[in-house]
Amino acid sequence: MTEFALQLNGIWKTDLKSRVVRSVYYDEKSHLLAVELRHGKIRLYSEAPKDMVLALANHRAPGLFYELAPEGTFGKPLSRLRPKGASFLRRMKPLRGQRGILVSAAGVSG
């Protein structure tokens, strides 16, 4: 199971071993999902179902899973961004001792 790190801003993050997807960020409270792609773009989704976030993060080929998923799988698309630098998400540091595994809809263990 993929491990998510809790960031200072309360968002869970995991880096993926994928040619397409670099990192996944998920806010469990607001159900917002950010998918950072290897080419620098960031895709944002609202109402992202936690089970689909976990399925993406734990898939043996997360990039393929992401690209082949039907529209709406990860919630409602908010925007397709390519921010200057596109590295602001990677600069966030996890809270000390706050690594854990994001699990089913029941909550987070760690």
PDB file of N, CA and C in Angstrom:
ATOM      1  N   MET A   1       0.845  -1.173   0.000  1.00  0.00           N
ATOM      2  CA  MET A   1       0.000   0.000   0.000  1.00  0.00           C
ATOM      3  C   MET A   1       0.896   1.245   0.000  1.00  0.00           C
ATOM      4  N   THR A   2       0.527   2.231  -0.763  1.00  0.00           N
ATOM      5  CA  THR A   2       1.288   3.472  -0.877  1.00  0.00           C
ATOM      6  C   THR A   2       1.162   4.303   0.394  1.00  0.00           C
ATOM      7  N   GLU A   3       2.268   4.876   0.805  1.00  0.00           N
ATOM      8  CA  GLU A   3       2.290   5.702   2.006  1.00  0.00           C
ATOM      9  C   GLU A   3       2.106   7.166   1.633  1.00  0.00           C
ATOM     10  N   PHE A   4       1.232   7.844   2.340  1.00  0.00           N
ATOM     11  CA  PHE A   4       1.010   9.273   2.165  1.00  0.00           C
ATOM     12  C   PHE A   4       1.647  10.003   3.341  1.00  0.00           C
ATOM     13  N   ALA A   5       2.245  11.147   3.082  1.00  0.00           N
ATOM     14  CA  ALA A   5       2.819  11.979   4.138  1.00  0.00           C
ATOM     15  C   ALA A   5       1.902  13.175   4.367  1.00  0.00           C
ATOM     16  N   LEU A   6       1.640  13.484   5.624  1.00  0.00           N
ATOM     17  CA  LEU A   6       0.812  14.638   5.966  1.00  0.00           C
ATOM     18  C   LEU A   6       1.663  15.895   5.906  1.00  0.00           C
ATOM     19  N   GLN A   7       1.255  16.861   5.075  1.00  0.00           N
ATOM     20  CA  GLN A   7       1.978  18.120   4.909  1.00  0.00           C
ATOM     21  C   GLN A   7       1.573  19.110   5.997  1.00  0.00           C
ATOM     22  N   LEU A   8       2.343  20.171   6.153  1.00  0.00           N
ATOM     23  CA  LEU A   8       2.057  21.194   7.163  1.00  0.00           C
ATOM     24  C   LEU A   8       0.676  21.816   6.996  1.00  0.00           C
ATOM     25  N   ASN A   9       0.190  21.871   5.759  1.00  0.00           N
ATOM     26  CA  ASN A   9      -1.115  22.481   5.491  1.00  0.00           C
ATOM     27  C   ASN A   9      -2.272  21.492   5.624  1.00  0.00           C
ATOM     28  N   GLY A  10      -2.009  20.287   6.112  1.00  0.00           N
ATOM     29  CA  GLY A  10      -3.060  19.303   6.326  1.00  0.00           C
ATOM     30  C   GLY A  10      -3.411  18.475   5.106  1.00  0.00           C
ATOM     31  N   ILE A  11      -2.639  18.588   4.049  1.00  0.00           N
ATOM     32  CA  ILE A  11      -2.890  17.833   2.820  1.00  0.00           C
ATOM     33  C   ILE A  11      -1.989  16.603   2.792  1.00  0.00           C
ATOM     34  N   TRP A  12      -2.566  15.481   2.393  1.00  0.00           N
ATOM     35  CA  TRP A  12      -1.804  14.240   2.258  1.00  0.00           C
ATOM     36  C   TRP A  12      -1.127  14.226   0.897  1.00  0.00           C
ATOM     37  N   LYS A  13       0.133  13.780   0.859  1.00  0.00           N
ATOM     38  CA  LYS A  13       0.903  13.755  -0.389  1.00  0.00           C
ATOM     39  C   LYS A  13       1.626  12.428  -0.529  1.00  0.00           C
ATOM     40  N   THR A  14       1.694  11.940  -1.764  1.00  0.00           N
ATOM     41  CA  THR A  14       2.537  10.794  -2.070  1.00  0.00           C
ATOM     42  C   THR A  14       3.170  11.001  -3.437  1.00  0.00           C
ATOM     43  N   ASP A  15       4.412  10.591  -3.564  1.00  0.00           N
ATOM     44  CA  ASP A  15       5.104  10.605  -4.851  1.00  0.00           C
ATOM     45  C   ASP A  15       4.932   9.228  -5.467  1.00  0.00           C
ATOM     46  N   LEU A  16       4.672   9.193  -6.765  1.00  0.00           N
ATOM     47  CA  LEU A  16       4.432   7.921  -7.437  1.00  0.00           C
ATOM     48  C   LEU A  16       5.566   7.574  -8.386  1.00  0.00           C
ATOM     49  N   LYS A  17       5.782   6.295  -8.554  1.00  0.00           N
ATOM     50  CA  LYS A  17       6.761   5.820  -9.526  1.00  0.00           C
ATOM     51  C   LYS A  17       6.011   5.601 -10.833  1.00  0.00           C
ATOM     52  N   SER A  18       5.929   6.654 -11.592  1.00  0.00           N
ATOM     53  CA  SER A  18       5.143   6.642 -12.820  1.00  0.00           C
ATOM     54  C   SER A  18       5.790   7.574 -13.832  1.00  0.00           C
ATOM     55  N   ARG A  19       5.659   7.239 -15.085  1.00  0.00           N
ATOM     56  CA  ARG A  19       6.162   8.118 -16.147  1.00  0.00           C
ATOM     57  C   ARG A  19       5.219   9.280 -16.413  1.00  0.00           C
ATOM     58  N   VAL A  20       4.009   9.195 -15.924  1.00  0.00           N
ATOM     59  CA  VAL A  20       2.987  10.214 -16.185  1.00  0.00           C
ATOM     60  C   VAL A  20       2.716  11.072 -14.950  1.00  0.00           C
ATOM     61  N   VAL A  21       2.475  10.440 -13.818  1.00  0.00           N
ATOM     62  CA  VAL A  21       2.089  11.138 -12.592  1.00  0.00           C
ATOM     63  C   VAL A  21       3.287  11.238 -11.652  1.00  0.00           C
ATOM     64  N   ARG A  22       3.616  12.460 -11.261  1.00  0.00           N
ATOM     65  CA  ARG A  22       4.728  12.671 -10.324  1.00  0.00           C
ATOM     66  C   ARG A  22       4.254  12.513  -8.879  1.00  0.00           C
ATOM     67  N   SER A  23       3.182  13.242  -8.519  1.00  0.00           N
ATOM     68  CA  SER A  23       2.702  13.246  -7.134  1.00  0.00           C
ATOM     69  C   SER A  23       1.189  13.392  -7.093  1.00  0.00           C
ATOM     70  N   VAL A  24       0.620  12.933  -5.996  1.00  0.00           N
ATOM     71  CA  VAL A  24      -0.807  13.072  -5.736  1.00  0.00           C
ATOM     72  C   VAL A  24      -0.955  13.765  -4.388  1.00  0.00           C
ATOM     73  N   TYR A  25      -1.822  14.786  -4.345  1.00  0.00           N
ATOM     74  CA  TYR A  25      -2.119  15.535  -3.126  1.00  0.00           C
ATOM     75  C   TYR A  25      -3.616  15.408  -2.871  1.00  0.00           C
ATOM     76  N   TYR A  26      -3.986  15.144  -1.629  1.00  0.00           N
ATOM     77  CA  TYR A  26      -5.400  14.946  -1.323  1.00  0.00           C
ATOM     78  C   TYR A  26      -5.746  15.596   0.012  1.00  0.00           C
ATOM     79  N   ASP A  27      -6.781  16.422  -0.008  1.00  0.00           N
ATOM     80  CA  ASP A  27      -7.301  17.035   1.209  1.00  0.00           C
ATOM     81  C   ASP A  27      -8.538  16.247   1.609  1.00  0.00           C
ATOM     82  N   GLU A  28      -8.391  15.473   2.660  1.00  0.00           N
ATOM     83  CA  GLU A  28      -9.463  14.574   3.085  1.00  0.00           C
ATOM     84  C   GLU A  28     -10.706  15.324   3.558  1.00  0.00           C
ATOM     85  N   LYS A  29     -10.525  16.505   4.134  1.00  0.00           N
ATOM     86  CA  LYS A  29     -11.666  17.277   4.652  1.00  0.00           C
ATOM     87  C   LYS A  29     -12.514  17.857   3.529  1.00  0.00           C
ATOM     88  N   SER A  30     -11.870  18.447   2.531  1.00  0.00           N
ATOM     89  CA  SER A  30     -12.617  19.106   1.453  1.00  0.00           C
ATOM     90  C   SER A  30     -12.757  18.230   0.210  1.00  0.00           C
ATOM     91  N   HIS A  31     -12.138  17.064   0.208  1.00  0.00           N
ATOM     92  CA  HIS A  31     -12.169  16.132  -0.923  1.00  0.00           C
ATOM     93  C   HIS A  31     -11.603  16.753  -2.198  1.00  0.00           C
ATOM     94  N   LEU A  32     -10.575  17.592  -2.027  1.00  0.00           N
ATOM     95  CA  LEU A  32      -9.876  18.166  -3.178  1.00  0.00           C
ATOM     96  C   LEU A  32      -8.682  17.292  -3.519  1.00  0.00           C
ATOM     97  N   LEU A  33      -8.478  17.082  -4.803  1.00  0.00           N
ATOM     98  CA  LEU A  33      -7.375  16.263  -5.298  1.00  0.00           C
ATOM     99  C   LEU A  33      -6.560  17.085  -6.282  1.00  0.00           C
ATOM    100  N   ALA A  34      -5.244  17.029  -6.140  1.00  0.00           N
ATOM    101  CA  ALA A  34      -4.332  17.638  -7.111  1.00  0.00           C
ATOM    102  C   ALA A  34      -3.428  16.530  -7.623  1.00  0.00           C
ATOM    103  N   VAL A  35      -3.364  16.395  -8.940  1.00  0.00           N
ATOM    104  CA  VAL A  35      -2.499  15.410  -9.576  1.00  0.00           C
ATOM    105  C   VAL A  35      -1.419  16.185 -10.312  1.00  0.00           C
ATOM    106  N   GLU A  36      -0.187  16.034  -9.859  1.00  0.00           N
ATOM    107  CA  GLU A  36       0.945  16.706 -10.496  1.00  0.00           C
ATOM    108  C   GLU A  36       1.539  15.753 -11.530  1.00  0.00           C
ATOM    109  N   LEU A  37       1.530  16.185 -12.770  1.00  0.00           N
ATOM    110  CA  LEU A  37       2.025  15.354 -13.860  1.00  0.00           C
ATOM    111  C   LEU A  37       3.509  15.613 -14.101  1.00  0.00           C
ATOM    112  N   ARG A  38       4.191  14.663 -14.704  1.00  0.00           N
ATOM    113  CA  ARG A  38       5.638  14.764 -14.934  1.00  0.00           C
ATOM    114  C   ARG A  38       6.011  15.936 -15.833  1.00  0.00           C
ATOM    115  N   HIS A  39       5.142  16.329 -16.742  1.00  0.00           N
ATOM    116  CA  HIS A  39       5.480  17.421 -17.662  1.00  0.00           C
ATOM    117  C   HIS A  39       5.181  18.798 -17.077  1.00  0.00           C
ATOM    118  N   GLY A  40       4.825  18.861 -15.779  1.00  0.00           N
ATOM    119  CA  GLY A  40       4.673  20.143 -15.110  1.00  0.00           C
ATOM    120  C   GLY A  40       3.255  20.616 -14.886  1.00  0.00           C
ATOM    121  N   LYS A  41       2.283  20.013 -15.523  1.00  0.00           N
ATOM    122  CA  LYS A  41       0.897  20.443 -15.323  1.00  0.00           C
ATOM    123  C   LYS A  41       0.339  19.855 -14.035  1.00  0.00           C
ATOM    124  N   ILE A  42      -0.632  20.560 -13.487  1.00  0.00           N
ATOM    125  CA  ILE A  42      -1.321  20.108 -12.287  1.00  0.00           C
ATOM    126  C   ILE A  42      -2.810  20.089 -12.588  1.00  0.00           C
ATOM    127  N   ARG A  43      -3.444  18.959 -12.332  1.00  0.00           N
ATOM    128  CA  ARG A  43      -4.886  18.820 -12.544  1.00  0.00           C
ATOM    129  C   ARG A  43      -5.569  18.827 -11.183  1.00  0.00           C
ATOM    130  N   LEU A  44      -6.588  19.659 -11.044  1.00  0.00           N
ATOM    131  CA  LEU A  44      -7.316  19.788  -9.786  1.00  0.00           C
ATOM    132  C   LEU A  44      -8.726  19.232  -9.929  1.00  0.00           C
ATOM    133  N   TYR A  45      -9.187  18.549  -8.889  1.00  0.00           N
ATOM    134  CA  TYR A  45     -10.520  17.948  -8.895  1.00  0.00           C
ATOM    135  C   TYR A  45     -11.201  18.222  -7.561  1.00  0.00           C
ATOM    136  N   SER A  46     -12.493  18.532  -7.615  1.00  0.00           N
ATOM    137  CA  SER A  46     -13.290  18.657  -6.393  1.00  0.00           C
ATOM    138  C   SER A  46     -14.123  17.392  -6.249  1.00  0.00           C
ATOM    139  N   GLU A  47     -14.615  17.166  -5.054  1.00  0.00           N
ATOM    140  CA  GLU A  47     -15.460  16.002  -4.768  1.00  0.00           C
ATOM    141  C   GLU A  47     -14.779  14.699  -5.165  1.00  0.00           C
ATOM    142  N   ALA A  48     -13.473  14.624  -4.942  1.00  0.00           N
ATOM    143  CA  ALA A  48     -12.713  13.423  -5.307  1.00  0.00           C
ATOM    144  C   ALA A  48     -13.017  12.301  -4.318  1.00  0.00           C
ATOM    145  N   PRO A  49     -13.490  11.163  -4.819  1.00  0.00           N
ATOM    146  CA  PRO A  49     -13.771  10.044  -3.921  1.00  0.00           C
ATOM    147  C   PRO A  49     -12.461   9.451  -3.391  1.00  0.00           C
ATOM    148  N   LYS A  50     -12.407   9.258  -2.091  1.00  0.00           N
ATOM    149  CA  LYS A  50     -11.197   8.748  -1.455  1.00  0.00           C
ATOM    150  C   LYS A  50     -10.790   7.392  -2.023  1.00  0.00           C
ATOM    151  N   ASP A  51     -11.761   6.535  -2.320  1.00  0.00           N
ATOM    152  CA  ASP A  51     -11.417   5.215  -2.845  1.00  0.00           C
ATOM    153  C   ASP A  51     -10.734   5.306  -4.210  1.00  0.00           C
ATOM    154  N   MET A  52     -11.078   6.305  -5.020  1.00  0.00           N
ATOM    155  CA  MET A  52     -10.416   6.474  -6.318  1.00  0.00           C
ATOM    156  C   MET A  52      -9.009   7.046  -6.158  1.00  0.00           C
ATOM    157  N   VAL A  53      -8.827   7.917  -5.165  1.00  0.00           N
ATOM    158  CA  VAL A  53      -7.491   8.442  -4.875  1.00  0.00           C
ATOM    159  C   VAL A  53      -6.582   7.290  -4.458  1.00  0.00           C
ATOM    160  N   LEU A  54      -7.092   6.425  -3.583  1.00  0.00           N
ATOM    161  CA  LEU A  54      -6.317   5.266  -3.137  1.00  0.00           C
ATOM    162  C   LEU A  54      -6.061   4.296  -4.281  1.00  0.00           C
ATOM    163  N   ALA A  55      -7.056   4.101  -5.141  1.00  0.00           N
ATOM    164  CA  ALA A  55      -6.879   3.206  -6.289  1.00  0.00           C
ATOM    165  C   ALA A  55      -5.784   3.725  -7.212  1.00  0.00           C
ATOM    166  N   LEU A  56      -5.763   5.027  -7.451  1.00  0.00           N
ATOM    167  CA  LEU A  56      -4.722   5.628  -8.285  1.00  0.00           C
ATOM    168  C   LEU A  56      -3.352   5.443  -7.644  1.00  0.00           C
ATOM    169  N   ALA A  57      -3.238   5.774  -6.373  1.00  0.00           N
ATOM    170  CA  ALA A  57      -1.949   5.714  -5.682  1.00  0.00           C
ATOM    171  C   ALA A  57      -1.417   4.291  -5.561  1.00  0.00           C
ATOM    172  N   ASN A  58      -2.299   3.316  -5.474  1.00  0.00           N
ATOM    173  CA  ASN A  58      -1.871   1.937  -5.258  1.00  0.00           C
ATOM    174  C   ASN A  58      -1.861   1.079  -6.514  1.00  0.00           C
ATOM    175  N   HIS A  59      -2.233   1.641  -7.640  1.00  0.00           N
ATOM    176  CA  HIS A  59      -2.253   0.872  -8.887  1.00  0.00           C
ATOM    177  C   HIS A  59      -0.830   0.548  -9.322  1.00  0.00           C
ATOM    178  N   ARG A  60      -0.641  -0.619  -9.930  1.00  0.00           N
ATOM    179  CA  ARG A  60       0.711  -1.009 -10.370  1.00  0.00           C
ATOM    180  C   ARG A  60       1.218  -0.112 -11.488  1.00  0.00           C
ATOM    181  N   ALA A  61       0.311   0.520 -12.228  1.00  0.00           N
ATOM    182  CA  ALA A  61       0.666   1.466 -13.293  1.00  0.00           C
ATOM    183  C   ALA A  61      -0.207   2.712 -13.118  1.00  0.00           C
ATOM    184  N   PRO A  62       0.133   3.583 -12.149  1.00  0.00           N
ATOM    185  CA  PRO A  62      -0.742   4.724 -11.857  1.00  0.00           C
ATOM    186  C   PRO A  62      -0.952   5.671 -13.031  1.00  0.00           C
ATOM    187  N   GLY A  63       0.056   5.854 -13.863  1.00  0.00           N
ATOM    188  CA  GLY A  63      -0.093   6.732 -15.022  1.00  0.00           C
ATOM    189  C   GLY A  63      -1.118   6.196 -16.004  1.00  0.00           C
ATOM    190  N   LEU A  64      -1.060   4.905 -16.259  1.00  0.00           N
ATOM    191  CA  LEU A  64      -2.020   4.264 -17.160  1.00  0.00           C
ATOM    192  C   LEU A  64      -3.422   4.327 -16.561  1.00  0.00           C
ATOM    193  N   PHE A  65      -3.532   4.051 -15.269  1.00  0.00           N
ATOM    194  CA  PHE A  65      -4.817   4.126 -14.579  1.00  0.00           C
ATOM    195  C   PHE A  65      -5.404   5.528 -14.708  1.00  0.00           C
ATOM    196  N   TYR A  66      -4.576   6.552 -14.500  1.00  0.00           N
ATOM    197  CA  TYR A  66      -5.026   7.941 -14.576  1.00  0.00           C
ATOM    198  C   TYR A  66      -5.475   8.301 -15.992  1.00  0.00           C
ATOM    199  N   GLU A  67      -4.680   7.923 -16.979  1.00  0.00           N
ATOM    200  CA  GLU A  67      -4.998   8.290 -18.364  1.00  0.00           C
ATOM    201  C   GLU A  67      -6.227   7.571 -18.905  1.00  0.00           C
ATOM    202  N   LEU A  68      -6.472   6.343 -18.460  1.00  0.00           N
ATOM    203  CA  LEU A  68      -7.589   5.561 -18.995  1.00  0.00           C
ATOM    204  C   LEU A  68      -8.878   5.691 -18.182  1.00  0.00           C
ATOM    205  N   ALA A  69      -8.808   6.378 -17.051  1.00  0.00           N
ATOM    206  CA  ALA A  69      -9.998   6.525 -16.204  1.00  0.00           C
ATOM    207  C   ALA A  69     -11.050   7.373 -16.914  1.00  0.00           C
ATOM    208  N   PRO A  70     -12.307   6.941 -16.881  1.00  0.00           N
ATOM    209  CA  PRO A  70     -13.377   7.733 -17.500  1.00  0.00           C
ATOM    210  C   PRO A  70     -13.529   9.087 -16.808  1.00  0.00           C
ATOM    211  N   GLU A  71     -14.033  10.047 -17.539  1.00  0.00           N
ATOM    212  CA  GLU A  71     -14.253  11.385 -16.979  1.00  0.00           C
ATOM    213  C   GLU A  71     -15.156  11.284 -15.757  1.00  0.00           C
ATOM    214  N   GLY A  72     -14.803  11.986 -14.716  1.00  0.00           N
ATOM    215  CA  GLY A  72     -15.572  11.969 -13.484  1.00  0.00           C
ATOM    216  C   GLY A  72     -15.066  10.983 -12.449  1.00  0.00           C
ATOM    217  N   THR A  73     -14.128  10.132 -12.823  1.00  0.00           N
ATOM    218  CA  THR A  73     -13.589   9.143 -11.890  1.00  0.00           C
ATOM    219  C   THR A  73     -12.977   9.794 -10.664  1.00  0.00           C
ATOM    220  N   PHE A  74     -12.274  10.900 -10.865  1.00  0.00           N
ATOM    221  CA  PHE A  74     -11.572  11.570  -9.775  1.00  0.00           C
ATOM    222  C   PHE A  74     -12.319  12.803  -9.275  1.00  0.00           C
ATOM    223  N   GLY A  75     -13.575  12.920  -9.590  1.00  0.00           N
ATOM    224  CA  GLY A  75     -14.378  14.064  -9.173  1.00  0.00           C
ATOM    225  C   GLY A  75     -14.571  15.039 -10.316  1.00  0.00           C
ATOM    226  N   LYS A  76     -14.951  16.253  -9.964  1.00  0.00           N
ATOM    227  CA  LYS A  76     -15.199  17.293 -10.970  1.00  0.00           C
ATOM    228  C   LYS A  76     -13.914  18.048 -11.258  1.00  0.00           C
ATOM    229  N   PRO A  77     -13.492  18.104 -12.527  1.00  0.00           N
ATOM    230  CA  PRO A  77     -12.275  18.859 -12.845  1.00  0.00           C
ATOM    231  C   PRO A  77     -12.477  20.344 -12.561  1.00  0.00           C
ATOM    232  N   LEU A  78     -11.514  20.947 -11.855  1.00  0.00           N
ATOM    233  CA  LEU A  78     -11.587  22.377 -11.558  1.00  0.00           C
ATOM    234  C   LEU A  78     -10.803  23.187 -12.564  1.00  0.00           C
ATOM    235  N   SER A  79      -9.600  22.736 -12.863  1.00  0.00           N
ATOM    236  CA  SER A  79      -8.774  23.486 -13.802  1.00  0.00           C
ATOM    237  C   SER A  79      -7.596  22.640 -14.245  1.00  0.00           C
ATOM    238  N   ARG A  80      -6.964  23.125 -15.258  1.00  0.00           N
ATOM    239  CA  ARG A  80      -5.731  22.512 -15.740  1.00  0.00           C
ATOM    240  C   ARG A  80      -4.677  23.598 -15.693  1.00  0.00           C
ATOM    241  N   LEU A  81      -3.836  23.527 -14.690  1.00  0.00           N
ATOM    242  CA  LEU A  81      -2.863  24.582 -14.436  1.00  0.00           C
ATOM    243  C   LEU A  81      -1.466  24.199 -14.900  1.00  0.00           C
ATOM    244  N   ARG A  82      -0.721  25.192 -15.268  1.00  0.00           N
ATOM    245  CA  ARG A  82       0.709  25.042 -15.469  1.00  0.00           C
ATOM    246  C   ARG A  82       1.351  26.265 -14.823  1.00  0.00           C
ATOM    247  N   PRO A  83       1.440  26.244 -13.494  1.00  0.00           N
ATOM    248  CA  PRO A  83       1.957  27.414 -12.800  1.00  0.00           C
ATOM    249  C   PRO A  83       3.423  27.645 -13.102  1.00  0.00           C
ATOM    250  N   LYS A  84       3.851  28.907 -13.021  1.00  0.00           N
ATOM    251  CA  LYS A  84       5.258  29.231 -13.236  1.00  0.00           C
ATOM    252  C   LYS A  84       6.079  28.477 -12.203  1.00  0.00           C
ATOM    253  N   GLY A  85       7.084  27.800 -12.664  1.00  0.00           N
ATOM    254  CA  GLY A  85       7.920  27.024 -11.760  1.00  0.00           C
ATOM    255  C   GLY A  85       7.363  25.645 -11.479  1.00  0.00           C
ATOM    256  N   ALA A  86       6.064  25.515 -11.382  1.00  0.00           N
ATOM    257  CA  ALA A  86       5.361  24.248 -11.158  1.00  0.00           C
ATOM    258  C   ALA A  86       5.968  23.394 -10.060  1.00  0.00           C
ATOM    259  N   SER A  87       6.735  24.003  -9.180  1.00  0.00           N
ATOM    260  CA  SER A  87       7.386  23.209  -8.145  1.00  0.00           C
ATOM    261  C   SER A  87       6.902  23.560  -6.741  1.00  0.00           C
ATOM    262  N   PHE A  88       5.916  24.441  -6.628  1.00  0.00           N
ATOM    263  CA  PHE A  88       5.490  24.883  -5.303  1.00  0.00           C
ATOM    264  C   PHE A  88       4.970  23.738  -4.447  1.00  0.00           C
ATOM    265  N   LEU A  89       4.355  22.736  -5.041  1.00  0.00           N
ATOM    266  CA  LEU A  89       3.823  21.628  -4.262  1.00  0.00           C
ATOM    267  C   LEU A  89       4.941  20.748  -3.714  1.00  0.00           C
ATOM    268  N   ARG A  90       6.020  20.599  -4.457  1.00  0.00           N
ATOM    269  CA  ARG A  90       7.116  19.736  -4.022  1.00  0.00           C
ATOM    270  C   ARG A  90       7.884  20.340  -2.853  1.00  0.00           C
ATOM    271  N   ARG A  91       7.798  21.644  -2.647  1.00  0.00           N
ATOM    272  CA  ARG A  91       8.562  22.297  -1.585  1.00  0.00           C
ATOM    273  C   ARG A  91       7.948  22.116  -0.206  1.00  0.00           C
ATOM    274  N   MET A  92       6.747  21.589  -0.119  1.00  0.00           N
ATOM    275  CA  MET A  92       6.113  21.401   1.180  1.00  0.00           C
ATOM    276  C   MET A  92       6.803  20.263   1.919  1.00  0.00           C
ATOM    277  N   LYS A  93       7.003  20.438   3.200  1.00  0.00           N
ATOM    278  CA  LYS A  93       7.661  19.432   4.024  1.00  0.00           C
ATOM    279  C   LYS A  93       6.615  18.724   4.881  1.00  0.00           C
ATOM    280  N   PRO A  94       6.774  17.400   5.069  1.00  0.00           N
ATOM    281  CA  PRO A  94       5.825  16.693   5.922  1.00  0.00           C
ATOM    282  C   PRO A  94       5.999  17.092   7.383  1.00  0.00           C
ATOM    283  N   LEU A  95       4.920  17.001   8.143  1.00  0.00           N
ATOM    284  CA  LEU A  95       5.008  17.240   9.580  1.00  0.00           C
ATOM    285  C   LEU A  95       5.885  16.161  10.199  1.00  0.00           C
ATOM    286  N   ARG A  96       6.672  16.531  11.153  1.00  0.00           N
ATOM    287  CA  ARG A  96       7.569  15.578  11.795  1.00  0.00           C
ATOM    288  C   ARG A  96       6.759  14.437  12.412  1.00  0.00           C
ATOM    289  N   GLY A  97       7.116  13.228  12.058  1.00  0.00           N
ATOM    290  CA  GLY A  97       6.443  12.059  12.601  1.00  0.00           C
ATOM    291  C   GLY A  97       5.054  11.819  12.050  1.00  0.00           C
ATOM    292  N   GLN A  98       4.653  12.507  11.003  1.00  0.00           N
ATOM    293  CA  GLN A  98       3.301  12.365  10.472  1.00  0.00           C
ATOM    294  C   GLN A  98       3.293  11.654   9.133  1.00  0.00           C
ATOM    295  N   ARG A  99       3.925  10.505   9.071  1.00  0.00           N
ATOM    296  CA  ARG A  99       3.806   9.677   7.877  1.00  0.00           C
ATOM    297  C   ARG A  99       2.785   8.613   8.212  1.00  0.00           C
ATOM    298  N   GLY A 100       2.012   8.245   7.259  1.00  0.00           N
ATOM    299  CA  GLY A 100       1.003   7.241   7.534  1.00  0.00           C
ATOM    300  C   GLY A 100       0.476   6.661   6.253  1.00  0.00           C
ATOM    301  N   ILE A 101      -0.444   5.802   6.397  1.00  0.00           N
ATOM    302  CA  ILE A 101      -1.070   5.194   5.235  1.00  0.00           C
ATOM    303  C   ILE A 101      -2.506   5.677   5.198  1.00  0.00           C
ATOM    304  N   LEU A 102      -2.881   6.263   4.086  1.00  0.00           N
ATOM    305  CA  LEU A 102      -4.251   6.716   3.904  1.00  0.00           C
ATOM    306  C   LEU A 102      -5.078   5.471   3.614  1.00  0.00           C
ATOM    307  N   VAL A 103      -6.070   5.222   4.420  1.00  0.00           N
ATOM    308  CA  VAL A 103      -6.853   4.004   4.274  1.00  0.00           C
ATOM    309  C   VAL A 103      -8.305   4.350   4.041  1.00  0.00           C
ATOM    310  N   SER A 104      -9.098   3.350   3.777  1.00  0.00           N
ATOM    311  CA  SER A 104     -10.510   3.485   3.457  1.00  0.00           C
ATOM    312  C   SER A 104     -11.196   4.729   4.008  1.00  0.00           C
ATOM    313  N   ALA A 105     -12.439   4.880   3.753  1.00  0.00           N
ATOM    314  CA  ALA A 105     -13.187   6.068   4.147  1.00  0.00           C
ATOM    315  C   ALA A 105     -13.237   6.257   5.661  1.00  0.00           C
ATOM    316  N   ALA A 106     -12.825   5.278   6.429  1.00  0.00           N
ATOM    317  CA  ALA A 106     -12.877   5.385   7.891  1.00  0.00           C
ATOM    318  C   ALA A 106     -11.896   6.402   8.438  1.00  0.00           C
ATOM    319  N   GLY A 107     -10.776   6.621   7.756  1.00  0.00           N
ATOM    320  CA  GLY A 107      -9.824   7.599   8.267  1.00  0.00           C
ATOM    321  C   GLY A 107      -8.397   7.273   7.903  1.00  0.00           C
ATOM    322  N   VAL A 108      -7.491   7.815   8.678  1.00  0.00           N
ATOM    323  CA  VAL A 108      -6.070   7.704   8.392  1.00  0.00           C
ATOM    324  C   VAL A 108      -5.399   6.993   9.545  1.00  0.00           C
ATOM    325  N   SER A 109      -4.518   6.067   9.210  1.00  0.00           N
ATOM    326  CA  SER A 109      -3.726   5.436  10.259  1.00  0.00           C
ATOM    327  C   SER A 109      -2.307   5.930  10.155  1.00  0.00           C
ATOM    328  N   GLY A 110      -1.560   5.857  11.205  1.00  0.00           N
ATOM    329  CA  GLY A 110      -0.199   6.347  11.122  1.00  0.00           C
ATOM    330  C   GLY A 110       0.631   6.074  12.277  1.00  0.00           C
TER     331      GLY A 110
END
